[in-house]
C-alpha atoms as a PDB file:
ATOM      1  CA  MET A   1      -0.237   0.046   0.243  1.00  0.00           C
ATOM      2  CA  ASN A   2       2.277   2.785  -1.065  1.00  0.00           C
ATOM      3  CA  SER A   3      -0.431   5.022  -2.024  1.00  0.00           C
ATOM      4  CA  PHE A   4      -2.580   7.179  -0.445  1.00  0.00           C
ATOM      5  CA  GLY A   5      -5.689   5.663  -2.426  1.00  0.00           C
ATOM      6  CA  ASP A   6      -4.772   2.512  -1.226  1.00  0.00           C
ATOM      7  CA  LYS A   7      -4.614   3.583   2.480  1.00  0.00           C
ATOM      8  CA  MET A   8      -7.923   4.755   2.203  1.00  0.00           C
ATOM      9  CA  LYS A   9      -9.480   2.138   0.368  1.00  0.00           C
ATOM     10  CA  ALA A  10      -8.004  -0.008   3.109  1.00  0.00           C
ATOM     11  CA  LEU A  11     -10.027   1.971   5.559  1.00  0.00           C
ATOM     12  CA  PHE A  12     -13.103   1.717   3.635  1.00  0.00           C
ATOM     13  CA  TYR A  13     -13.600  -1.319   1.740  1.00  0.00           C
ATOM     14  CA  GLY A  14     -14.066  -4.888   3.852  1.00  0.00           C
ATOM     15  CA  PRO A  15     -11.731  -6.360   6.113  1.00  0.00           C
ATOM     16  CA  GLY A  16     -10.434  -8.946   3.432  1.00  0.00           C
ATOM     17  CA  TRP A  17      -9.623  -5.873   1.270  1.00  0.00           C
ATOM     18  CA  ALA A  18      -5.962  -5.746  -0.358  1.00  0.00           C
ATOM     19  CA  PRO A  19      -4.204  -4.251  -3.546  1.00  0.00           C
ATOM     20  CA  GLY A  20      -5.450  -6.104  -6.500  1.00  0.00           C
ATOM     21  CA  LYS A  21      -8.504  -7.812  -5.113  1.00  0.00           C
ATOM     22  CA  PRO A  22     -12.375  -6.517  -5.176  1.00  0.00           C
ATOM     23  CA  ARG A  23     -13.766  -4.584  -2.544  1.00  0.00           C
ATOM     24  CA  THR A  24     -15.151  -7.343  -0.123  1.00  0.00           C
ATOM     25  CA  GLY A  25     -12.199  -9.308  -0.455  1.00  0.00           C
ATOM     26  CA  LEU A  26     -11.866 -13.035  -2.064  1.00  0.00           C
ATOM     27  CA  LEU A  27     -13.878 -15.886  -0.734  1.00  0.00           C
ATOM     28  CA  SER A  28     -11.173 -18.087  -1.118  1.00  0.00           C
ATOM     29  CA  ASP A  29      -8.952 -16.243   1.307  1.00  0.00           C
ATOM     30  CA  ILE A  30     -11.550 -17.218   4.166  1.00  0.00           C
ATOM     31  CA  PRO A  31     -10.764 -20.463   5.987  1.00  0.00           C
ATOM     32  CA  PRO A  32     -12.944 -23.420   6.182  1.00  0.00           C
ATOM     33  CA  VAL A  33     -14.740 -24.077   9.134  1.00  0.00           C
ATOM     34  CA  ASP A  34     -14.803 -27.183  10.863  1.00  0.00           C
ATOM     35  CA  ILE A  35     -18.884 -27.772  11.703  1.00  0.00           C
ATOM     36  CA  HIS A  36     -18.259 -31.045  14.021  1.00  0.00           C
ATOM     37  CA  ALA A  37     -15.317 -29.127  16.098  1.00  0.00           C
ATOM     38  CA  PRO A  38     -16.662 -28.274  19.636  1.00  0.00           C
ATOM     39  CA  ILE A  39     -17.577 -24.546  19.884  1.00  0.00           C
ATOM     40  CA  GLU A  40     -15.165 -23.176  22.954  1.00  0.00           C
ATOM     41  CA  ARG A  41     -17.494 -21.093  25.609  1.00  0.00           C
ATOM     42  CA  TYR A  42     -16.070 -17.853  26.711  1.00  0.00           C
ATOM     43  CA  ASP A  43     -17.232 -18.399  30.329  1.00  0.00           C
ATOM     44  CA  CYS A  44     -15.324 -15.823  32.663  1.00  0.00           C
ATOM     45  CA  GLU A  45     -15.679 -16.459  36.201  1.00  0.00           C
ATOM     46  CA  ILE A  46     -14.892 -13.716  38.727  1.00  0.00           C
ATOM     47  CA  SER A  47     -14.850 -13.850  42.358  1.00  0.00           C
ATOM     48  CA  PHE A  48     -17.361 -11.937  45.011  1.00  0.00           C
ATOM     49  CA  TRP A  49     -15.361  -8.878  45.706  1.00  0.00           C
ATOM     50  CA  GLU A  50     -15.002  -8.203  41.969  1.00  0.00           C
ATOM     51  CA  SER A  51     -18.644  -8.575  41.559  1.00  0.00           C
ATOM     52  CA  PHE A  52     -19.409  -6.812  44.521  1.00  0.00           C
ATOM     53  CA  TYR A  53     -17.458  -3.640  43.505  1.00  0.00           C
ATOM     54  CA  VAL A  54     -18.592  -3.652  40.088  1.00  0.00           C
ATOM     55  CA  MET A  55     -22.102  -3.212  41.358  1.00  0.00           C
ATOM     56  CA  LEU A  56     -21.018  -1.058  43.854  1.00  0.00           C
ATOM     57  CA  HIS A  57     -19.773   1.403  41.393  1.00  0.00           C
ATOM     58  CA  SER A  58     -22.361   0.909  38.933  1.00  0.00           C
ATOM     59  CA  PHE A  59     -24.937   2.251  41.615  1.00  0.00           C
ATOM     60  CA  ILE A  60     -22.780   5.300  42.800  1.00  0.00           C
ATOM     61  CA  ILE A  61     -22.589   6.222  38.835  1.00  0.00           C
ATOM     62  CA  ALA A  62     -26.940   5.907  38.471  1.00  0.00           C
ATOM     63  CA  MET A  63     -27.190   7.485  42.251  1.00  0.00           C
ATOM     64  CA  GLY A  64     -24.760  10.617  41.009  1.00  0.00           C
ATOM     65  CA  PHE A  65     -26.520  10.924  37.698  1.00  0.00           C
ATOM     66  CA  TYR A  66     -30.049  10.719  39.262  1.00  0.00           C
ATOM     67  CA  ILE A  67     -28.538  13.278  41.922  1.00  0.00           C
ATOM     68  CA  ILE A  68     -27.241  15.732  39.275  1.00  0.00           C
ATOM     69  CA  THR A  69     -29.664  15.736  36.815  1.00  0.00           C
ATOM     70  CA  ASP A  70     -32.606  16.222  38.973  1.00  0.00           C
ATOM     71  CA  HIS A  71     -31.283  18.975  41.143  1.00  0.00           C
ATOM     72  CA  PRO A  72     -33.649  22.237  40.988  1.00  0.00           C
ATOM     73  CA  LEU A  73     -30.834  24.039  39.589  1.00  0.00           C
ATOM     74  CA  VAL A  74     -30.148  22.137  37.021  1.00  0.00           C
ATOM     75  CA  ARG A  75     -33.705  20.330  35.716  1.00  0.00           C
ATOM     76  CA  ASN A  76     -34.286  23.855  33.755  1.00  0.00           C
ATOM     77  CA  SER A  77     -30.622  24.690  33.214  1.00  0.00           C
ATOM     78  CA  PRO A  78     -29.244  24.667  29.326  1.00  0.00           C
ATOM     79  CA  LEU A  79     -26.189  23.097  30.325  1.00  0.00           C
ATOM     80  CA  ASN A  80     -28.494  19.553  31.767  1.00  0.00           C
ATOM     81  CA  ALA A  81     -27.530  18.191  28.310  1.00  0.00           C
ATOM     82  CA  MET A  82     -24.032  18.621  28.896  1.00  0.00           C
ATOM     83  CA  ILE A  83     -24.281  17.467  32.249  1.00  0.00           C
ATOM     84  CA  ILE A  84     -25.396  14.285  30.937  1.00  0.00           C
ATOM     85  CA  MET A  85     -23.055  13.678  28.165  1.00  0.00           C
ATOM     86  CA  PHE A  86     -20.016  14.186  30.868  1.00  0.00           C
ATOM     87  CA  MET A  87     -21.597  11.500  32.877  1.00  0.00           C
ATOM     88  CA  TYR A  88     -21.895   9.386  29.841  1.00  0.00           C
ATOM     89  CA  TYR A  89     -18.083  10.026  29.840  1.00  0.00           C
ATOM     90  CA  LEU A  90     -17.202   9.501  32.614  1.00  0.00           C
ATOM     91  CA  HIS A  91     -19.151   6.149  33.166  1.00  0.00           C
END
């Protein structure tokens, strides 16, 4: 990929694209799938303390969001949308 056009094509065309290939790549590049192979499932186990930590912080964020957006000085303020966006950014 020497040209600027090829770099833009790599960004906007399909994931199988390379110079000299069609926009969506070639079907022959896709590896065969063994349909009889067992499916590997992702099973993440976390401890009680990690689960508690996530729930506690989610609760704090939810309560902080509710308190800030329901405050009488903020409720009808034009800055309400900015505060909401900032809270989403923090979360």
